[in-house]
């Protein structure tokens, strides 16, 4: 009987410590989000003008890209992010189903896809684009539409950062 009571107390202590750790981690995340937002305001950039693109995503994208001038065009930025598709062909045959290369900066790809997911919810232009791409195929609809939305975001990010413009919306890119 004593062993059962001791085991129960040990479980309660372990659970209590785990909950305290979770609360501590939540406070740290909130603190880091505030620091990121504050530091992002100090950097002259235009990504925060895009409705639906949060501070953490914008900071992550900017940090991973670095100097935008090192990219010749949006295609080279997309290739750097690993948002291009492999090409399967032989003679006149050109495969319809292609895989994402995934070679490139995995963190930039993560931030772009995460941002695209947010934009498809909060930005009408990106919501319509996502919906169109989603309905085009029957296989892997969400993943394909999300990656294509991220690729559209790459074009926007390249244009905004390279020209120093502010996003006005309803721009076909």
N, C-alpha and C. Protein backbone atom coordinates (compact mmCIF):
# COMPACT_ATOMS: atom_id res chain seq x y z
N UNK A 1 0.82 -1.19 0.00
CA UNK A 1 0.00 0.00 0.00
C UNK A 1 0.87 1.26 0.00
N UNK A 2 1.97 1.21 0.73
CA UNK A 2 2.86 2.37 0.80
C UNK A 2 3.49 2.65 -0.56
N UNK A 3 3.77 1.59 -1.31
CA UNK A 3 4.37 1.77 -2.64
C UNK A 3 3.40 2.49 -3.58
N UNK A 4 2.13 2.17 -3.49
CA UNK A 4 1.11 2.80 -4.34
C UNK A 4 1.01 4.29 -4.01
N UNK A 5 1.00 4.63 -2.74
CA UNK A 5 0.93 6.03 -2.32
C UNK A 5 2.17 6.78 -2.79
N UNK A 6 3.34 6.16 -2.60
CA UNK A 6 4.59 6.80 -3.03
C UNK A 6 4.60 7.02 -4.54
N UNK A 7 4.13 6.03 -5.30
CA UNK A 7 4.08 6.15 -6.77
C UNK A 7 3.13 7.27 -7.17
N UNK A 8 2.01 7.39 -6.47
CA UNK A 8 1.05 8.46 -6.75
C UNK A 8 1.65 9.83 -6.49
N UNK A 9 2.37 9.97 -5.38
CA UNK A 9 3.02 11.24 -5.04
C UNK A 9 4.10 11.56 -6.06
N UNK A 10 4.87 10.57 -6.46
CA UNK A 10 5.93 10.77 -7.46
C UNK A 10 5.33 11.23 -8.79
N UNK A 11 4.22 10.64 -9.17
CA UNK A 11 3.55 11.05 -10.43
C UNK A 11 3.06 12.49 -10.33
N UNK A 12 2.48 12.85 -9.18
CA UNK A 12 2.00 14.22 -8.99
C UNK A 12 3.15 15.23 -9.08
N UNK A 13 4.27 14.90 -8.46
CA UNK A 13 5.44 15.79 -8.49
C UNK A 13 5.96 15.91 -9.92
N UNK A 14 6.07 14.79 -10.61
CA UNK A 14 6.57 14.81 -11.99
C UNK A 14 5.63 15.63 -12.88
N UNK A 15 4.34 15.45 -12.72
CA UNK A 15 3.36 16.20 -13.51
C UNK A 15 3.43 17.69 -13.19
N UNK A 16 3.56 18.01 -11.92
CA UNK A 16 3.66 19.41 -11.50
C UNK A 16 4.91 20.07 -12.10
N UNK A 17 6.03 19.38 -12.05
CA UNK A 17 7.27 19.92 -12.62
C UNK A 17 7.16 20.09 -14.13
N UNK A 18 6.53 19.13 -14.79
CA UNK A 18 6.35 19.22 -16.24
C UNK A 18 5.48 20.42 -16.60
N UNK A 19 4.40 20.62 -15.87
CA UNK A 19 3.53 21.77 -16.12
C UNK A 19 4.26 23.09 -15.87
N UNK A 20 5.09 23.13 -14.84
CA UNK A 20 5.88 24.34 -14.57
C UNK A 20 6.85 24.61 -15.72
N UNK A 21 7.47 23.54 -16.23
CA UNK A 21 8.39 23.70 -17.38
C UNK A 21 7.65 24.22 -18.60
N UNK A 22 6.46 23.71 -18.85
CA UNK A 22 5.67 24.16 -20.00
C UNK A 22 5.33 25.64 -19.85
N UNK A 23 4.90 26.05 -18.67
CA UNK A 23 4.58 27.47 -18.44
C UNK A 23 5.82 28.35 -18.61
N UNK A 24 6.96 27.87 -18.13
CA UNK A 24 8.21 28.62 -18.28
C UNK A 24 8.57 28.76 -19.76
N UNK A 25 8.43 27.69 -20.53
CA UNK A 25 8.73 27.75 -21.96
C UNK A 25 7.77 28.69 -22.69
N UNK A 26 6.50 28.70 -22.30
CA UNK A 26 5.54 29.62 -22.91
C UNK A 26 5.94 31.07 -22.65
N UNK A 27 6.39 31.37 -21.41
CA UNK A 27 6.84 32.73 -21.09
C UNK A 27 8.07 33.10 -21.91
N UNK A 28 8.99 32.16 -22.09
CA UNK A 28 10.18 32.42 -22.89
C UNK A 28 9.82 32.68 -24.35
N UNK A 29 8.90 31.92 -24.90
CA UNK A 29 8.47 32.12 -26.29
C UNK A 29 7.84 33.49 -26.45
N UNK A 30 6.98 33.87 -25.50
CA UNK A 30 6.34 35.19 -25.56
C UNK A 30 7.39 36.30 -25.49
N UNK A 31 8.38 36.12 -24.63
CA UNK A 31 9.46 37.09 -24.50
C UNK A 31 10.28 37.19 -25.79
N UNK A 32 10.59 36.05 -26.40
CA UNK A 32 11.34 36.05 -27.66
C UNK A 32 10.54 36.69 -28.79
N UNK A 33 9.23 36.46 -28.82
CA UNK A 33 8.38 37.10 -29.83
C UNK A 33 8.43 38.62 -29.70
N UNK A 34 8.43 39.12 -28.46
CA UNK A 34 8.52 40.57 -28.24
C UNK A 34 9.86 41.12 -28.71
N UNK A 35 10.93 40.39 -28.42
CA UNK A 35 12.27 40.82 -28.85
C UNK A 35 12.35 40.83 -30.37
N UNK A 36 11.83 39.80 -31.02
CA UNK A 36 11.84 39.73 -32.48
C UNK A 36 11.07 40.90 -33.07
N UNK A 37 9.90 41.20 -32.53
CA UNK A 37 9.10 42.32 -33.03
C UNK A 37 9.84 43.64 -32.86
N UNK A 38 10.48 43.82 -31.71
CA UNK A 38 11.21 45.06 -31.45
C UNK A 38 12.41 45.20 -32.40
N UNK A 39 13.15 44.12 -32.59
CA UNK A 39 14.32 44.16 -33.47
C UNK A 39 13.91 44.35 -34.93
N UNK A 40 12.78 43.77 -35.31
CA UNK A 40 12.30 43.88 -36.69
C UNK A 40 11.93 45.32 -37.02
N UNK A 41 11.42 46.05 -36.04
CA UNK A 41 11.06 47.46 -36.27
C UNK A 41 12.29 48.31 -36.53
N UNK A 42 13.43 47.88 -36.03
CA UNK A 42 14.67 48.64 -36.22
C UNK A 42 15.25 48.45 -37.62
N UNK A 43 14.83 47.40 -38.31
CA UNK A 43 15.34 47.11 -39.66
C UNK A 43 14.40 47.72 -40.69
N UNK A 44 14.92 48.57 -41.57
CA UNK A 44 14.04 49.11 -42.61
C UNK A 44 13.70 48.01 -43.62
N UNK A 45 12.47 47.58 -43.60
CA UNK A 45 12.04 46.52 -44.52
C UNK A 45 10.57 46.70 -44.82
N UNK A 46 10.10 45.98 -45.80
CA UNK A 46 8.74 46.18 -46.29
C UNK A 46 7.84 44.97 -46.12
N UNK A 47 8.35 43.89 -45.59
CA UNK A 47 7.54 42.68 -45.49
C UNK A 47 6.40 42.82 -44.49
N UNK A 48 6.56 43.70 -43.50
CA UNK A 48 5.48 43.85 -42.52
C UNK A 48 4.27 44.57 -43.09
N UNK A 49 4.35 45.05 -44.33
CA UNK A 49 3.19 45.69 -44.96
C UNK A 49 2.26 44.66 -45.60
N UNK A 50 2.67 43.41 -45.65
CA UNK A 50 1.84 42.36 -46.24
C UNK A 50 0.88 41.85 -45.16
N UNK A 51 -0.42 42.00 -45.41
CA UNK A 51 -1.42 41.56 -44.44
C UNK A 51 -1.37 40.04 -44.31
N UNK A 52 -1.23 39.57 -43.07
CA UNK A 52 -1.19 38.14 -42.82
C UNK A 52 0.21 37.59 -42.61
N UNK A 53 1.22 38.42 -42.87
CA UNK A 53 2.61 37.99 -42.67
C UNK A 53 3.06 38.51 -41.31
N UNK A 54 3.26 37.61 -40.37
CA UNK A 54 3.61 38.00 -39.01
C UNK A 54 5.06 38.41 -38.85
N UNK A 55 5.36 38.99 -37.70
CA UNK A 55 6.71 39.47 -37.41
C UNK A 55 7.73 38.34 -37.38
N UNK A 56 7.37 37.21 -36.79
CA UNK A 56 8.32 36.09 -36.68
C UNK A 56 8.63 35.54 -38.07
N UNK A 57 7.61 35.38 -38.90
CA UNK A 57 7.84 34.88 -40.27
C UNK A 57 8.67 35.88 -41.07
N UNK A 58 8.33 37.17 -40.97
CA UNK A 58 9.08 38.20 -41.70
C UNK A 58 10.53 38.23 -41.25
N UNK A 59 10.76 38.16 -39.94
CA UNK A 59 12.13 38.16 -39.42
C UNK A 59 12.89 36.93 -39.88
N UNK A 60 12.24 35.78 -39.86
CA UNK A 60 12.89 34.54 -40.31
C UNK A 60 13.25 34.59 -41.78
N UNK A 61 12.34 35.11 -42.60
CA UNK A 61 12.60 35.22 -44.04
C UNK A 61 13.76 36.17 -44.30
N UNK A 62 13.74 37.32 -43.65
CA UNK A 62 14.82 38.31 -43.83
C UNK A 62 16.16 37.75 -43.36
N UNK A 63 16.14 37.08 -42.20
CA UNK A 63 17.38 36.52 -41.66
C UNK A 63 17.97 35.45 -42.57
N UNK A 64 17.12 34.61 -43.13
CA UNK A 64 17.62 33.52 -43.99
C UNK A 64 18.05 34.03 -45.36
N UNK A 65 17.39 35.05 -45.88
CA UNK A 65 17.77 35.59 -47.19
C UNK A 65 19.06 36.39 -47.08
N UNK A 66 19.18 37.17 -46.02
CA UNK A 66 20.36 38.04 -45.91
C UNK A 66 20.23 39.19 -46.88
N UNK A 67 21.25 39.40 -47.69
CA UNK A 67 21.25 40.48 -48.67
C UNK A 67 20.53 40.01 -49.93
N UNK A 68 19.43 40.67 -50.27
CA UNK A 68 18.63 40.27 -51.43
C UNK A 68 19.38 40.48 -52.73
N UNK A 69 20.38 41.35 -52.73
CA UNK A 69 21.13 41.66 -53.96
C UNK A 69 21.97 40.47 -54.45
N UNK A 70 22.17 39.48 -53.61
CA UNK A 70 22.95 38.32 -54.06
C UNK A 70 22.14 37.39 -54.96
N UNK A 71 20.84 37.67 -55.11
CA UNK A 71 19.98 36.88 -55.99
C UNK A 71 19.67 37.67 -57.24
N UNK A 72 19.87 37.04 -58.39
CA UNK A 72 19.67 37.70 -59.68
C UNK A 72 18.19 37.97 -59.94
N UNK A 73 17.35 37.01 -59.59
CA UNK A 73 15.91 37.16 -59.82
C UNK A 73 15.15 36.29 -58.83
N UNK A 74 13.82 36.31 -58.95
CA UNK A 74 13.01 35.53 -58.00
C UNK A 74 13.21 34.03 -58.17
N UNK A 75 13.53 33.60 -59.37
CA UNK A 75 13.75 32.17 -59.62
C UNK A 75 14.98 31.67 -58.86
N UNK A 76 16.02 32.49 -58.81
CA UNK A 76 17.21 32.08 -58.06
C UNK A 76 16.94 32.07 -56.56
N UNK A 77 16.09 32.98 -56.09
CA UNK A 77 15.70 32.97 -54.68
C UNK A 77 14.86 31.73 -54.37
N UNK A 78 13.94 31.39 -55.27
CA UNK A 78 13.12 30.19 -55.09
C UNK A 78 13.98 28.93 -55.09
N UNK A 79 14.98 28.91 -55.95
CA UNK A 79 15.89 27.76 -55.99
C UNK A 79 16.69 27.67 -54.70
N UNK A 80 17.14 28.82 -54.18
CA UNK A 80 17.87 28.86 -52.92
C UNK A 80 16.99 28.33 -51.77
N UNK A 81 15.69 28.63 -51.84
CA UNK A 81 14.77 28.18 -50.80
C UNK A 81 14.34 26.73 -50.98
N UNK A 82 14.65 26.13 -52.12
CA UNK A 82 14.24 24.75 -52.38
C UNK A 82 12.79 24.65 -52.81
N UNK A 83 12.28 25.70 -53.42
CA UNK A 83 10.89 25.71 -53.90
C UNK A 83 10.85 25.60 -55.41
N UNK A 84 11.60 24.65 -55.94
CA UNK A 84 11.58 24.36 -57.37
C UNK A 84 11.31 22.87 -57.54
N UNK A 85 10.90 22.49 -58.73
CA UNK A 85 10.54 21.10 -58.98
C UNK A 85 11.57 20.44 -59.87
N UNK A 86 11.79 19.15 -59.61
CA UNK A 86 12.71 18.39 -60.46
C UNK A 86 12.06 18.18 -61.81
N UNK A 87 12.88 17.96 -62.80
CA UNK A 87 12.36 17.75 -64.15
C UNK A 87 12.68 16.33 -64.57
N UNK A 88 11.66 15.59 -64.92
CA UNK A 88 11.83 14.23 -65.42
C UNK A 88 11.47 14.24 -66.90
N UNK A 89 12.46 14.02 -67.75
CA UNK A 89 12.17 13.98 -69.18
C UNK A 89 13.15 13.05 -69.88
N UNK A 90 12.68 12.55 -71.00
CA UNK A 90 13.50 11.71 -71.84
C UNK A 90 12.96 11.84 -73.25
N UNK A 91 13.75 12.39 -74.13
CA UNK A 91 13.28 12.61 -75.50
C UNK A 91 12.11 13.57 -75.51
N UNK A 92 10.98 13.11 -76.06
CA UNK A 92 9.79 13.95 -76.10
C UNK A 92 8.94 13.81 -74.84
N UNK A 93 9.26 12.82 -73.99
CA UNK A 93 8.49 12.59 -72.78
C UNK A 93 8.85 13.62 -71.72
N UNK A 94 7.83 14.20 -71.12
CA UNK A 94 8.01 15.14 -70.02
C UNK A 94 7.00 14.76 -68.95
N UNK A 95 7.47 14.31 -67.78
CA UNK A 95 6.57 13.82 -66.73
C UNK A 95 5.70 14.94 -66.18
N UNK A 96 4.45 14.60 -65.90
CA UNK A 96 3.54 15.58 -65.31
C UNK A 96 3.75 15.69 -63.82
N UNK A 97 3.94 14.56 -63.15
CA UNK A 97 4.15 14.59 -61.71
C UNK A 97 5.62 14.80 -61.41
N UNK A 98 5.88 15.84 -60.67
CA UNK A 98 7.25 16.17 -60.31
C UNK A 98 7.34 16.35 -58.81
N UNK A 99 8.52 16.13 -58.30
CA UNK A 99 8.75 16.31 -56.87
C UNK A 99 9.44 17.64 -56.61
N UNK A 100 9.20 18.17 -55.42
CA UNK A 100 9.90 19.36 -54.98
C UNK A 100 11.36 18.99 -54.74
N UNK A 101 12.28 19.83 -55.18
CA UNK A 101 13.70 19.48 -55.05
C UNK A 101 14.13 19.40 -53.60
N UNK A 102 13.65 20.30 -52.78
CA UNK A 102 14.00 20.37 -51.36
C UNK A 102 15.49 20.55 -51.12
N UNK A 103 16.25 20.84 -52.18
CA UNK A 103 17.64 21.20 -51.95
C UNK A 103 17.65 22.71 -51.75
N UNK A 104 18.38 23.16 -50.80
CA UNK A 104 18.38 24.59 -50.52
C UNK A 104 18.25 24.82 -49.03
N UNK A 105 17.94 26.03 -48.67
CA UNK A 105 17.85 26.44 -47.28
C UNK A 105 16.52 25.95 -46.69
N UNK A 106 16.59 24.93 -45.85
CA UNK A 106 15.36 24.34 -45.31
C UNK A 106 14.65 25.29 -44.36
N UNK A 107 15.40 26.17 -43.70
CA UNK A 107 14.76 27.12 -42.78
C UNK A 107 14.00 28.19 -43.55
N UNK A 108 14.58 28.67 -44.64
CA UNK A 108 13.88 29.64 -45.48
C UNK A 108 12.61 29.01 -46.06
N UNK A 109 12.72 27.77 -46.52
CA UNK A 109 11.55 27.06 -47.06
C UNK A 109 10.48 26.93 -45.98
N UNK A 110 10.90 26.60 -44.75
CA UNK A 110 9.96 26.48 -43.63
C UNK A 110 9.23 27.80 -43.40
N UNK A 111 9.98 28.90 -43.32
CA UNK A 111 9.35 30.21 -43.06
C UNK A 111 8.43 30.62 -44.20
N UNK A 112 8.82 30.35 -45.43
CA UNK A 112 7.98 30.72 -46.58
C UNK A 112 6.69 29.91 -46.61
N UNK A 113 6.77 28.62 -46.35
CA UNK A 113 5.57 27.77 -46.35
C UNK A 113 4.68 28.13 -45.17
N UNK A 114 5.29 28.40 -44.01
CA UNK A 114 4.52 28.81 -42.84
C UNK A 114 3.81 30.13 -43.11
N UNK A 115 4.52 31.07 -43.72
CA UNK A 115 3.92 32.36 -44.06
C UNK A 115 2.82 32.20 -45.10
N UNK A 116 3.04 31.33 -46.08
CA UNK A 116 2.01 31.09 -47.11
C UNK A 116 0.75 30.51 -46.48
N UNK A 117 0.92 29.66 -45.50
CA UNK A 117 -0.23 29.08 -44.80
C UNK A 117 -1.00 30.17 -44.06
N UNK A 118 -0.29 31.10 -43.46
CA UNK A 118 -0.94 32.22 -42.78
C UNK A 118 -1.62 33.15 -43.77
N UNK A 119 -0.95 33.41 -44.89
CA UNK A 119 -1.51 34.30 -45.91
C UNK A 119 -2.78 33.73 -46.53
N UNK A 120 -2.83 32.43 -46.69
CA UNK A 120 -4.02 31.82 -47.31
C UNK A 120 -5.25 32.00 -46.41
N UNK A 121 -5.04 32.26 -45.15
CA UNK A 121 -6.14 32.47 -44.22
C UNK A 121 -6.48 33.96 -44.09
N UNK A 122 -5.45 34.82 -44.02
CA UNK A 122 -5.65 36.23 -43.68
C UNK A 122 -5.59 37.21 -44.85
N UNK A 123 -5.18 36.77 -46.01
CA UNK A 123 -5.01 37.68 -47.15
C UNK A 123 -5.90 37.19 -48.29
N UNK A 124 -6.82 38.04 -48.73
CA UNK A 124 -7.80 37.62 -49.75
C UNK A 124 -7.15 37.21 -51.07
N UNK A 125 -6.13 37.94 -51.49
CA UNK A 125 -5.45 37.62 -52.75
C UNK A 125 -4.83 36.22 -52.69
N UNK A 126 -4.15 35.93 -51.60
CA UNK A 126 -3.50 34.63 -51.45
C UNK A 126 -4.52 33.53 -51.18
N UNK A 127 -5.62 33.88 -50.53
CA UNK A 127 -6.68 32.90 -50.31
C UNK A 127 -7.27 32.43 -51.64
N UNK A 128 -7.52 33.37 -52.54
CA UNK A 128 -8.08 33.04 -53.86
C UNK A 128 -7.07 32.22 -54.67
N UNK A 129 -5.79 32.60 -54.61
CA UNK A 129 -4.75 31.88 -55.35
C UNK A 129 -4.64 30.44 -54.84
N UNK A 130 -4.62 30.28 -53.52
CA UNK A 130 -4.54 28.95 -52.91
C UNK A 130 -5.73 28.10 -53.35
N UNK A 131 -6.92 28.68 -53.29
CA UNK A 131 -8.13 27.94 -53.65
C UNK A 131 -8.09 27.48 -55.11
N UNK A 132 -7.62 28.36 -55.99
CA UNK A 132 -7.50 28.01 -57.41
C UNK A 132 -6.55 26.84 -57.60
N UNK A 133 -5.38 26.92 -56.98
CA UNK A 133 -4.37 25.86 -57.12
C UNK A 133 -4.84 24.57 -56.46
N UNK A 134 -5.59 24.68 -55.38
CA UNK A 134 -6.11 23.50 -54.68
C UNK A 134 -7.06 22.73 -55.58
N UNK A 135 -7.88 23.43 -56.34
CA UNK A 135 -8.90 22.80 -57.16
C UNK A 135 -8.37 22.28 -58.50
N UNK A 136 -7.15 22.61 -58.84
CA UNK A 136 -6.60 22.20 -60.14
C UNK A 136 -6.31 20.71 -60.24
N UNK A 137 -6.00 20.07 -59.13
CA UNK A 137 -5.61 18.65 -59.16
C UNK A 137 -6.40 17.87 -58.12
N UNK A 138 -6.36 16.55 -58.24
CA UNK A 138 -7.05 15.67 -57.30
C UNK A 138 -6.09 15.07 -56.27
N UNK A 139 -4.80 15.08 -56.57
CA UNK A 139 -3.80 14.40 -55.74
C UNK A 139 -2.95 15.44 -55.01
N UNK A 140 -2.72 15.24 -53.73
CA UNK A 140 -1.87 16.11 -52.92
C UNK A 140 -2.31 17.58 -53.02
N UNK A 141 -3.59 17.81 -52.93
CA UNK A 141 -4.13 19.15 -53.17
C UNK A 141 -3.54 20.20 -52.22
N UNK A 142 -3.61 19.95 -50.91
CA UNK A 142 -3.18 20.95 -49.94
C UNK A 142 -1.69 21.24 -50.05
N UNK A 143 -0.88 20.19 -50.07
CA UNK A 143 0.58 20.39 -50.13
C UNK A 143 0.98 21.15 -51.39
N UNK A 144 0.43 20.75 -52.51
CA UNK A 144 0.76 21.38 -53.79
C UNK A 144 0.34 22.85 -53.78
N UNK A 145 -0.90 23.10 -53.36
CA UNK A 145 -1.41 24.47 -53.34
C UNK A 145 -0.62 25.34 -52.38
N UNK A 146 -0.23 24.78 -51.25
CA UNK A 146 0.53 25.55 -50.26
C UNK A 146 1.92 25.89 -50.78
N UNK A 147 2.58 24.95 -51.42
CA UNK A 147 3.92 25.21 -51.97
C UNK A 147 3.84 26.21 -53.12
N UNK A 148 2.82 26.11 -53.95
CA UNK A 148 2.66 27.08 -55.04
C UNK A 148 2.35 28.47 -54.48
N UNK A 149 1.61 28.53 -53.38
CA UNK A 149 1.36 29.81 -52.72
C UNK A 149 2.66 30.36 -52.13
N UNK A 150 3.49 29.48 -51.58
CA UNK A 150 4.80 29.91 -51.08
C UNK A 150 5.67 30.43 -52.22
N UNK A 151 5.58 29.78 -53.36
CA UNK A 151 6.35 30.24 -54.53
C UNK A 151 5.88 31.63 -54.98
N UNK A 152 4.58 31.85 -54.93
CA UNK A 152 4.03 33.19 -55.23
C UNK A 152 4.56 34.20 -54.21
N UNK A 153 4.64 33.79 -52.96
CA UNK A 153 5.18 34.66 -51.92
C UNK A 153 6.64 34.99 -52.19
N UNK A 154 7.41 34.04 -52.71
CA UNK A 154 8.82 34.30 -53.06
C UNK A 154 8.90 35.44 -54.07
N UNK A 155 8.02 35.43 -55.06
CA UNK A 155 8.02 36.50 -56.06
C UNK A 155 7.73 37.84 -55.41
N UNK A 156 6.79 37.85 -54.47
CA UNK A 156 6.45 39.09 -53.77
C UNK A 156 7.60 39.54 -52.89
N UNK A 157 8.18 38.64 -52.12
CA UNK A 157 9.30 38.97 -51.23
C UNK A 157 10.46 39.54 -52.04
N UNK A 158 10.79 38.90 -53.15
CA UNK A 158 11.89 39.39 -53.98
C UNK A 158 11.59 40.80 -54.48
N UNK A 159 10.38 41.03 -54.96
CA UNK A 159 10.01 42.35 -55.49
C UNK A 159 10.06 43.41 -54.39
N UNK A 160 9.50 43.11 -53.23
CA UNK A 160 9.46 44.10 -52.15
C UNK A 160 10.85 44.42 -51.62
N UNK A 161 11.66 43.39 -51.38
CA UNK A 161 12.98 43.63 -50.80
C UNK A 161 13.95 44.24 -51.80
N UNK A 162 13.90 43.81 -53.05
CA UNK A 162 14.87 44.33 -54.02
C UNK A 162 14.54 45.76 -54.45
N UNK A 163 13.26 46.12 -54.46
CA UNK A 163 12.88 47.47 -54.87
C UNK A 163 12.57 48.38 -53.69
N UNK A 164 12.50 47.81 -52.48
CA UNK A 164 12.20 48.60 -51.30
C UNK A 164 10.79 49.17 -51.31
N UNK A 165 9.88 48.47 -51.95
CA UNK A 165 8.51 48.95 -52.07
C UNK A 165 7.64 48.50 -50.90
N UNK A 166 6.51 49.15 -50.79
CA UNK A 166 5.51 48.78 -49.80
C UNK A 166 4.41 48.00 -50.52
N UNK A 167 3.93 46.94 -49.89
CA UNK A 167 2.89 46.09 -50.49
C UNK A 167 1.56 46.83 -50.47
N UNK A 168 0.92 46.88 -51.61
CA UNK A 168 -0.37 47.55 -51.71
C UNK A 168 -1.51 46.58 -51.94
N UNK A 169 -1.22 45.34 -52.20
CA UNK A 169 -2.25 44.33 -52.41
C UNK A 169 -2.78 44.33 -53.83
N UNK A 170 -3.51 43.28 -54.14
CA UNK A 170 -4.11 43.06 -55.46
C UNK A 170 -3.13 43.30 -56.60
N UNK A 171 -1.88 42.96 -56.38
CA UNK A 171 -0.86 43.04 -57.42
C UNK A 171 -0.68 41.63 -57.96
N UNK A 172 -0.80 41.45 -59.24
CA UNK A 172 -0.60 40.13 -59.82
C UNK A 172 0.88 39.90 -60.03
N UNK A 173 1.39 38.94 -59.29
CA UNK A 173 2.83 38.62 -59.40
C UNK A 173 2.97 37.19 -59.83
